Amino acid sequence: MQKNARVEYDYSVAKAFTFTAILFGILGMIVGVTLAFQMAFPHLSNLAGEYGTFSRLRPLHTNTVIFGFTLSGIFAGWYYMAQRILKVSLRESPFLMFIGKLHFVLYFITILLAVVTLVAGYTTSKEYAELEWPIDIIIVLWWVLWGVSIFGLIGIRRERTLYVSIWYFIATFMGIAMLYLFNNMEIPTALYSGYGSWMHSVSMYSGTNDALVQWWYGHNAVAFVFTVPIIALIYYFLPKESGQNVYSYKLSILAFWGLMFVYLWAGGHHLIYATVPDWLQTMGSVMSIVLILPSWGSAINMLLTMKGEWQQLQSNTLIKFMILASTFYM
């Protein structure tokens, strides 16, 4: 490849995920507002029979917002940002273009199936992991496709240096892959007991072990969906919008590795006073406090990137949101 050749970027996949983020963002907020009114006025739970109860709508809300809205935005950000950082276009690889489009199609089908099954009452009852095993298999498929996209674009890149945002996206892919696979090891009840349902499943773990694996996943699903890829996006868009260099690239690397080593240990704080070993509860609590260091490292780095250019907050809406996100991250 010619390093200085003009690159015509293709944003078709990014646009598809952006529209999906808008769609499921609106749906998720509508369900969330409905739940809020149900808590204030409990009789509203009876308006749609069993399909409108709090127990049906609550997992619908969380899954729509986390996996429908947030992940769509993250994928849109990846398919837009990665091409520009790596100086390579999806158009240059018909294979990666196909992978990106297939990724979107399977992802969209998954979210639609999630909406239908959760409203119908099919759930594993594990928070943030409510979807039943057939949907889990589809999720694994498109997650692998995203991995192919990540490492495929890295493999054909013109820019040899991997900017820190790419590090965070690689961590997102690998972290969720590990967590999701281990936490969703399930057996259909019909296969496990000889009767029951092929659709409904039970965890391969039991009791305390199931709780340990669940909150190892549950806490870090928040870490690797709501935190790590969002940091990646801010590290790209904040310097781009402000015209400023990242305040300290060394600090961004230190914060990255700190986050990777500490975050995975903090899930035990969800099981305080539960029937799990005391050392694990203590470890979860201590690591949650230690987590302040890499979190503040990233947040301070983002805020100091705007040093001397704070007046841009008056006119640039995108910078306002990113600075607000960085502030609340602290």
Protein backbone atom coordinates (compact mmCIF):
# COMPACT_ATOMS: atom_id res chain seq x y z
CA MET A 1 0.00 0.00 0.00
CA GLN A 2 1.12 3.56 -0.66
CA LYS A 3 1.45 5.29 2.69
CA ASN A 4 0.57 8.76 1.40
CA ALA A 5 -2.21 7.69 -0.95
CA ARG A 6 -5.51 9.51 -0.58
CA VAL A 7 -7.95 7.33 1.34
CA GLU A 8 -11.68 7.41 0.54
CA TYR A 9 -13.33 6.29 3.75
CA ASP A 10 -16.59 4.34 3.73
CA TYR A 11 -19.03 5.19 6.50
CA SER A 12 -21.99 3.04 5.41
CA VAL A 13 -21.63 0.57 8.29
CA ALA A 14 -21.02 3.40 10.77
CA LYS A 15 -24.20 5.15 9.58
CA ALA A 16 -26.24 1.96 9.94
CA PHE A 17 -25.13 1.55 13.55
CA THR A 18 -25.76 5.25 14.21
CA PHE A 19 -29.38 5.02 13.08
CA THR A 20 -29.78 1.87 15.17
CA ALA A 21 -28.41 3.70 18.22
CA ILE A 22 -31.01 6.44 17.73
CA LEU A 23 -33.82 3.89 17.31
CA PHE A 24 -33.01 1.80 20.38
CA GLY A 25 -32.05 4.87 22.38
CA ILE A 26 -35.58 6.23 21.92
CA LEU A 27 -37.14 2.82 22.65
CA GLY A 28 -35.00 2.34 25.75
CA MET A 29 -35.87 5.77 27.13
CA ILE A 30 -39.59 5.21 26.54
CA VAL A 31 -39.45 1.92 28.46
CA GLY A 32 -37.40 3.59 31.20
CA VAL A 33 -39.91 6.40 31.63
CA THR A 34 -42.71 3.82 31.70
CA LEU A 35 -40.93 1.97 34.52
CA ALA A 36 -40.48 5.21 36.44
CA PHE A 37 -44.22 5.91 36.25
CA GLN A 38 -44.97 2.33 37.30
CA MET A 39 -42.93 2.84 40.46
CA ALA A 40 -44.88 6.01 41.22
CA PHE A 41 -48.23 4.59 40.13
CA PRO A 42 -48.14 0.76 40.57
CA HIS A 43 -51.54 0.23 38.96
CA LEU A 44 -49.98 1.09 35.58
CA SER A 45 -48.32 -2.35 35.63
CA ASN A 46 -51.69 -3.91 34.82
CA LEU A 47 -52.47 -1.94 31.67
CA ALA A 48 -50.95 -4.50 29.26
CA GLY A 49 -51.44 -7.66 31.29
CA GLU A 50 -48.35 -9.76 31.92
CA TYR A 51 -46.48 -8.05 29.07
CA GLY A 52 -46.50 -4.66 30.77
CA THR A 53 -45.39 -5.72 34.23
CA PHE A 54 -42.26 -4.30 35.85
CA SER A 55 -40.56 -7.70 35.75
CA ARG A 56 -40.92 -7.86 31.96
CA LEU A 57 -40.04 -4.24 31.22
CA ARG A 58 -37.04 -3.89 33.54
CA PRO A 59 -34.75 -6.34 31.65
CA LEU A 60 -36.12 -4.95 28.38
CA HIS A 61 -35.01 -1.48 29.47
CA THR A 62 -31.51 -2.47 30.60
CA ASN A 63 -30.81 -4.65 27.56
CA THR A 64 -32.16 -2.08 25.11
CA VAL A 65 -30.07 0.72 26.61
CA ILE A 66 -26.88 -1.32 27.15
CA PHE A 67 -26.83 -3.62 24.15
CA GLY A 68 -29.16 -1.75 21.78
CA PHE A 69 -28.29 1.90 22.31
CA THR A 70 -24.78 1.95 23.80
CA LEU A 71 -23.24 -0.87 21.77
CA SER A 72 -24.68 0.59 18.56
CA GLY A 73 -22.94 3.87 19.31
CA ILE A 74 -19.70 2.07 20.12
CA PHE A 75 -19.78 0.07 16.90
CA ALA A 76 -20.64 3.21 14.93
CA GLY A 77 -17.68 4.94 16.55
CA TRP A 78 -15.39 2.04 15.70
CA TYR A 79 -16.34 1.82 12.02
CA TYR A 80 -15.93 5.59 11.69
CA MET A 81 -12.88 6.19 13.85
CA ALA A 82 -10.78 3.10 13.09
CA GLN A 83 -10.56 3.83 9.38
CA ARG A 84 -9.28 7.34 10.05
CA ILE A 85 -6.81 6.38 12.77
CA LEU A 86 -5.42 3.43 10.82
CA LYS A 87 -5.49 5.31 7.49
CA VAL A 88 -7.32 2.54 5.68
CA SER A 89 -10.80 2.27 4.18
CA LEU A 90 -13.27 -0.58 4.29
CA ARG A 91 -13.58 -0.11 0.52
CA GLU A 92 -10.06 -1.43 0.12
CA SER A 93 -11.10 -4.82 1.48
CA PRO A 94 -14.36 -6.31 0.13
CA PHE A 95 -13.98 -9.05 2.73
CA LEU A 96 -13.89 -6.62 5.67
CA MET A 97 -16.75 -4.63 4.14
CA PHE A 98 -18.81 -7.83 4.00
CA ILE A 99 -17.82 -8.65 7.59
CA GLY A 100 -18.92 -5.20 8.74
CA LYS A 101 -22.31 -5.43 7.04
CA LEU A 102 -22.89 -8.99 8.29
CA HIS A 103 -21.93 -7.79 11.77
CA PHE A 104 -24.63 -5.13 11.58
CA VAL A 105 -27.33 -7.47 10.23
CA LEU A 106 -26.75 -10.15 12.88
CA TYR A 107 -26.52 -7.49 15.59
CA PHE A 108 -29.82 -5.90 14.56
CA ILE A 109 -31.55 -9.30 14.44
CA THR A 110 -30.21 -10.04 17.92
CA ILE A 111 -31.65 -6.87 19.44
CA LEU A 112 -35.04 -7.52 17.81
CA LEU A 113 -35.04 -11.09 19.17
CA ALA A 114 -34.04 -9.75 22.58
CA VAL A 115 -36.99 -7.36 22.63
CA VAL A 116 -39.47 -10.08 21.62
CA THR A 117 -38.19 -12.79 23.98
CA LEU A 118 -37.85 -10.53 27.02
CA VAL A 119 -41.38 -9.17 26.61
CA ALA A 120 -42.58 -12.77 26.18
CA GLY A 121 -40.94 -13.73 29.47
CA TYR A 122 -37.99 -15.78 28.25
CA THR A 123 -35.12 -14.94 30.58
CA THR A 124 -32.28 -16.61 32.45
CA SER A 125 -33.00 -14.20 35.36
CA LYS A 126 -29.29 -13.20 35.49
CA GLU A 127 -28.88 -9.43 35.44
CA TYR A 128 -27.41 -8.09 32.18
CA ALA A 129 -27.29 -11.70 30.96
CA GLU A 130 -31.02 -12.38 30.63
CA LEU A 131 -30.99 -13.52 27.01
CA GLU A 132 -31.47 -17.23 26.40
CA TRP A 133 -28.89 -19.52 24.84
CA PRO A 134 -30.00 -19.38 21.15
CA ILE A 135 -29.55 -15.60 21.21
CA ASP A 136 -26.25 -15.99 23.06
CA ILE A 137 -24.94 -18.05 20.15
CA ILE A 138 -25.84 -15.29 17.68
CA ILE A 139 -24.14 -12.74 19.94
CA VAL A 140 -20.95 -14.79 19.95
CA LEU A 141 -21.08 -14.95 16.14
CA TRP A 142 -21.28 -11.20 15.60
CA TRP A 143 -18.78 -10.52 18.37
CA VAL A 144 -16.30 -12.73 16.52
CA LEU A 145 -17.13 -10.81 13.33
CA TRP A 146 -16.31 -7.57 15.11
CA GLY A 147 -13.00 -9.09 16.20
CA VAL A 148 -12.26 -9.98 12.58
CA SER A 149 -13.02 -6.36 11.67
CA ILE A 150 -10.73 -5.01 14.40
CA PHE A 151 -7.73 -7.18 13.66
CA GLY A 152 -8.40 -7.15 9.92
CA LEU A 153 -8.23 -3.35 9.73
CA ILE A 154 -5.16 -3.35 11.97
CA GLY A 155 -3.55 -5.89 9.67
CA ILE A 156 -3.95 -3.75 6.52
CA ARG A 157 -3.35 -0.35 8.13
CA ARG A 158 -1.07 2.33 6.68
CA GLU A 159 -0.47 4.03 10.02
CA ARG A 160 2.00 1.79 11.82
CA THR A 161 1.56 3.37 15.26
CA LEU A 162 -1.47 2.09 17.17
CA TYR A 163 -3.09 5.09 18.83
CA VAL A 164 -4.33 4.49 22.38
CA SER A 165 -7.99 4.39 21.26
CA ILE A 166 -7.24 1.21 19.34
CA TRP A 167 -5.81 -0.31 22.53
CA TYR A 168 -9.08 0.36 24.32
CA PHE A 169 -11.14 -1.19 21.53
CA ILE A 170 -8.97 -4.32 21.53
CA ALA A 171 -9.47 -4.54 25.30
CA THR A 172 -13.24 -4.17 24.85
CA PHE A 173 -13.33 -7.03 22.37
CA MET A 174 -11.16 -9.38 24.42
CA GLY A 175 -12.72 -8.51 27.78
CA ILE A 176 -16.35 -9.00 26.75
CA ALA A 177 -15.48 -12.14 24.78
CA MET A 178 -14.01 -13.77 27.88
CA LEU A 179 -16.69 -12.56 30.28
CA TYR A 180 -19.67 -13.36 28.06
CA LEU A 181 -18.54 -16.87 27.20
CA PHE A 182 -17.86 -17.91 30.78
CA ASN A 183 -20.99 -16.35 32.27
CA ASN A 184 -23.37 -17.73 29.65
CA MET A 185 -22.40 -21.38 29.89
CA GLU A 186 -25.94 -22.77 29.96
CA ILE A 187 -27.79 -26.03 29.43
CA PRO A 188 -31.38 -26.23 28.07
CA THR A 189 -33.66 -27.66 30.74
CA ALA A 190 -34.99 -30.26 28.29
CA LEU A 191 -31.46 -31.60 27.82
CA TYR A 192 -30.49 -31.32 31.47
CA SER A 193 -33.48 -33.01 33.07
CA GLY A 194 -35.17 -34.91 30.27
CA TYR A 195 -38.20 -32.63 30.40
CA GLY A 196 -38.74 -28.92 30.27
CA SER A 197 -38.05 -26.45 27.48
CA TRP A 198 -35.42 -26.33 24.78
CA MET A 199 -35.66 -22.56 24.86
CA HIS A 200 -35.22 -22.09 28.60
CA SER A 201 -31.83 -22.90 30.10
CA VAL A 202 -30.08 -23.14 33.45
CA SER A 203 -26.55 -22.09 34.32
CA MET A 204 -23.77 -24.68 34.33
CA TYR A 205 -22.73 -23.22 37.68
CA SER A 206 -24.77 -23.44 40.85
CA GLY A 207 -25.27 -21.45 44.01
CA THR A 208 -22.33 -19.35 45.13
CA ASN A 209 -20.25 -20.26 42.10
CA ASP A 210 -22.96 -18.94 39.81
CA ALA A 211 -23.11 -15.69 41.79
CA LEU A 212 -19.33 -15.29 41.60
CA VAL A 213 -19.23 -15.75 37.84
CA GLN A 214 -22.34 -13.62 37.33
CA TRP A 215 -20.93 -10.57 39.11
CA TRP A 216 -17.50 -11.05 37.65
CA TYR A 217 -19.39 -10.61 34.38
CA GLY A 218 -22.01 -8.10 35.54
CA HIS A 219 -19.57 -5.58 36.95
CA ASN A 220 -17.17 -5.87 34.05
CA ALA A 221 -19.93 -5.70 31.46
CA VAL A 222 -20.32 -2.15 32.76
CA ALA A 223 -16.54 -1.73 32.60
CA PHE A 224 -16.06 -2.95 29.05
CA VAL A 225 -19.27 -1.51 27.56
CA PHE A 226 -19.86 1.76 29.40
CA THR A 227 -16.28 2.69 30.25
CA VAL A 228 -13.45 1.29 28.12
CA PRO A 229 -14.83 1.95 24.59
CA ILE A 230 -16.22 5.34 25.62
CA ILE A 231 -12.73 6.36 26.76
CA ALA A 232 -11.48 5.22 23.34
CA LEU A 233 -13.99 7.47 21.58
CA ILE A 234 -13.16 10.50 23.75
CA TYR A 235 -9.42 10.03 23.20
CA TYR A 236 -10.11 10.33 19.48
CA PHE A 237 -12.87 12.92 19.24
CA LEU A 238 -11.72 15.36 21.95
CA PRO A 239 -8.32 16.13 20.38
CA LYS A 240 -9.93 16.08 16.93
CA GLU A 241 -12.65 18.58 17.85
CA SER A 242 -10.50 20.86 20.00
CA GLY A 243 -7.41 20.86 17.80
CA GLN A 244 -5.34 20.04 20.89
CA ASN A 245 -2.92 17.18 21.41
CA VAL A 246 -3.70 14.68 24.17
CA TYR A 247 -2.24 16.22 27.32
CA SER A 248 -0.07 13.21 28.18
CA TYR A 249 0.18 10.14 26.00
CA LYS A 250 2.23 8.40 28.69
CA LEU A 251 -0.57 9.00 31.19
CA SER A 252 -3.10 7.51 28.75
CA ILE A 253 -1.01 4.32 28.54
CA LEU A 254 -0.51 4.11 32.32
CA ALA A 255 -4.23 4.63 32.91
CA PHE A 256 -5.03 1.96 30.32
CA TRP A 257 -2.93 -0.73 31.97
CA GLY A 258 -4.10 0.33 35.42
CA LEU A 259 -7.70 -0.05 34.29
CA MET A 260 -7.02 -3.47 32.79
CA PHE A 261 -5.31 -4.85 35.91
CA VAL A 262 -7.68 -3.39 38.49
CA TYR A 263 -11.18 -3.38 36.97
CA LEU A 264 -11.50 -7.15 36.63
CA TRP A 265 -10.98 -7.63 40.39
CA ALA A 266 -13.68 -5.21 41.52
CA GLY A 267 -16.76 -7.38 40.81
CA GLY A 268 -16.73 -8.78 44.35
CA HIS A 269 -18.20 -5.57 45.73
CA HIS A 270 -21.58 -6.71 44.38
CA LEU A 271 -21.49 -9.64 46.82
CA ILE A 272 -20.79 -7.93 50.14
CA TYR A 273 -22.24 -10.02 53.03
CA ALA A 274 -23.13 -12.80 50.58
CA THR A 275 -22.08 -16.43 50.99
CA VAL A 276 -18.75 -15.91 49.25
CA PRO A 277 -15.26 -15.97 50.82
CA ASP A 278 -14.41 -12.93 52.95
CA TRP A 279 -11.15 -12.38 51.09
CA LEU A 280 -13.06 -12.00 47.83
CA GLN A 281 -15.40 -9.40 49.31
CA THR A 282 -12.40 -7.53 50.70
CA MET A 283 -10.55 -7.77 47.40
CA GLY A 284 -13.56 -6.38 45.54
CA SER A 285 -13.85 -3.45 47.95
CA VAL A 286 -10.13 -2.64 47.94
CA MET A 287 -9.85 -2.82 44.16
CA SER A 288 -12.90 -0.57 43.83
CA ILE A 289 -11.01 2.08 45.79
CA VAL A 290 -7.77 1.50 43.88
CA LEU A 291 -9.81 1.94 40.70
CA ILE A 292 -9.84 5.67 41.49
CA LEU A 293 -6.24 5.91 40.24
CA PRO A 294 -6.62 4.78 36.59
CA SER A 295 -10.09 6.34 36.37
CA TRP A 296 -8.85 9.73 37.52
CA GLY A 297 -5.78 9.31 35.34
CA SER A 298 -7.95 9.08 32.22
CA ALA A 299 -10.38 11.79 33.34
CA ILE A 300 -7.66 14.29 34.29
CA ASN A 301 -5.83 13.58 31.05
CA MET A 302 -8.98 14.39 29.10
CA LEU A 303 -9.68 17.58 31.06
CA LEU A 304 -6.10 18.84 30.76
CA THR A 305 -6.25 18.26 27.01
CA MET A 306 -8.47 21.36 26.97
CA LYS A 307 -5.88 23.43 28.88
CA GLY A 308 -5.83 26.93 27.43
CA GLU A 309 -8.81 26.23 25.15
CA TRP A 310 -11.71 26.20 27.60
CA GLN A 311 -13.51 28.89 25.62
CA GLN A 312 -14.38 26.21 23.05
CA LEU A 313 -16.97 24.85 25.49
CA GLN A 314 -19.10 27.92 24.73
CA SER A 315 -19.59 27.01 21.09
CA ASN A 316 -18.79 23.31 20.61
CA THR A 317 -21.59 21.01 21.79
CA LEU A 318 -19.59 17.81 21.27
CA ILE A 319 -16.76 19.09 23.47
CA LYS A 320 -19.31 20.02 26.16
CA PHE A 321 -20.60 16.45 26.30
CA MET A 322 -17.11 14.93 26.35
CA ILE A 323 -15.91 17.23 29.12
CA LEU A 324 -19.11 16.50 31.07
CA ALA A 325 -18.50 12.76 30.61
CA SER A 326 -14.89 13.13 31.77
CA THR A 327 -15.97 15.12 34.82
CA PHE A 328 -18.60 12.60 35.91
CA TYR A 329 -16.12 9.79 35.24
CA MET A 330 -14.09 11.19 38.14
